[in-house]
Amino acid sequence: MFFSKVKSFISGKKGITLLSFLGLYFLSTSVSWAIFSYLLTEPDFSFNGSKDPRSQIADLPKTQECPINGEMYTEPEREIWETRRPIAAIIENNAASRPPSGLSKADVVYESVAEGGITRFVVIYYCGAAAENIDIAPVRSARVYHIDWASEYGDKPIFMHVGGANDYGGFGDTVKEAKALELLTTLGWRVAGGNDFDTTYDSGFPIFWRNYERLDKKVATEHTMMASLDAAYKEAEKRGFSYKDKNGNSWDSGFVKWSFADGKPLSSPKATEISFEFWEGGLFSKEYSVTWNYDPETNGYLRENGGAKHMDLETGSQISAKNVVVMFTEQKGPVDRNMHILYTTVGEGKTLIFQNGGVIEGTWEKTSRTARTRFFEKDGKEIDFVRGQIWIEILPKNNKVNY
């Protein structure tokens, strides 16, 4: 009796309508789930169809020196980075955007003020990004001095950012020497299929995407841009910017390596707490103040920003470095109503280099935009960096560093 009633209902008008509705519901649900699953799935960045060399990394001896910061890695990691060229990514440090993602995987980090005492990073990825795909965030806009530091890493490094200092709304309100996008065009980076990866120009998903859920708090849209380094490398390969360019020239043909040495901790550390401000007495000076605490167990330095531990969201660890370099330079500005500032990047000046629990007083020198910034002791001998991550803090020449 029950089944005959069900059969009768299904064959009736109401039953057909219900079945049609259910069919549409399940179809739309399946399609939505398929799209959602695709968007959440990491793209396939296989290595030319061969076995992924990353699967061989675990437990192998670290015998290969990174040419950028001297850290030691495995042979499979070297094989990976020798198919690529460095990435220079612009990562913000606005207090509302912390903690960042992927900063602890950098080889070298440059920190300087963007505007109003708020700092921003030029983050160099090469060796530290070989073992795994690194998602970085939040990516922000570029400044002319960012380009000068990125230019040290080959003729055309992969330059990742979201726009840059330029005229806004066609009002001509940015001075010429601060126009980052014009400089990128002049250098030949900002052309179709070039090494300039900018979301406002020719780069989108899966390289860049907005993630409003990255932090457990609501943030403004400008703090939400993420990027995948593997996706950037895949696109760079298509554009002819792998280890070698289309003409067979390797990115490092004119690259000047720094000198590296194994760490040798002082038996009695002399500089265990290094602290400074970028914009002394400014409105946000305390939020962007930095302290590096020497950790004798690792012979490294742990970073605090704005009075709190500076963490990497992806790893859950406190950001650290083997070398902390304070580079004193001329700071000019604000130079326009957009509050842009300028740094003297080419020239020379004083420097403090903290490593092994001690400090070296010396000088820095950069002879041209593409030349390597080099660091020297007072007697003229070039500095040996301790193998590992290097942080370069760019301060106005009269700022005070406590240690």
Foldseek 3Di string as FASTA:
>chain_A
DVVVVVVVCCPDPNNVVVVVVVVVVVVVVVVVVVVVVVVPDDDDLADVPDDRLLVVFPPADFDDADLAFGATGHPSLVVQLLFAFKEWFKAFDPVLLPDWAPQQLFQEWEWADFFQQGIIIGTIHGSSCRNDKGKTFDFAADWQVSLLQVLQRFLQHQYEHAHYDDDDPPPRFGDPNTHNVVVCVVSVQQDVLHSYAYPVHDHDPPAKDFDQPLDPDGDDRSGGIMGIPSVSRVSCVVSQRTCAGPVRHGRCPPRDGAAADAADADPDFDPFKKKFFADPPTPCRLQAIKIWGQDLVVQKTFIDGSNHFRAHSVVRDGRIWQKEKEAAWAKDDPPGPVRGIDTPPAAKDWMWMDHSSYIATWMWHAHDSNHDIWTAGPVRHTDHGHRTHYYYYYHHNPTDMDD
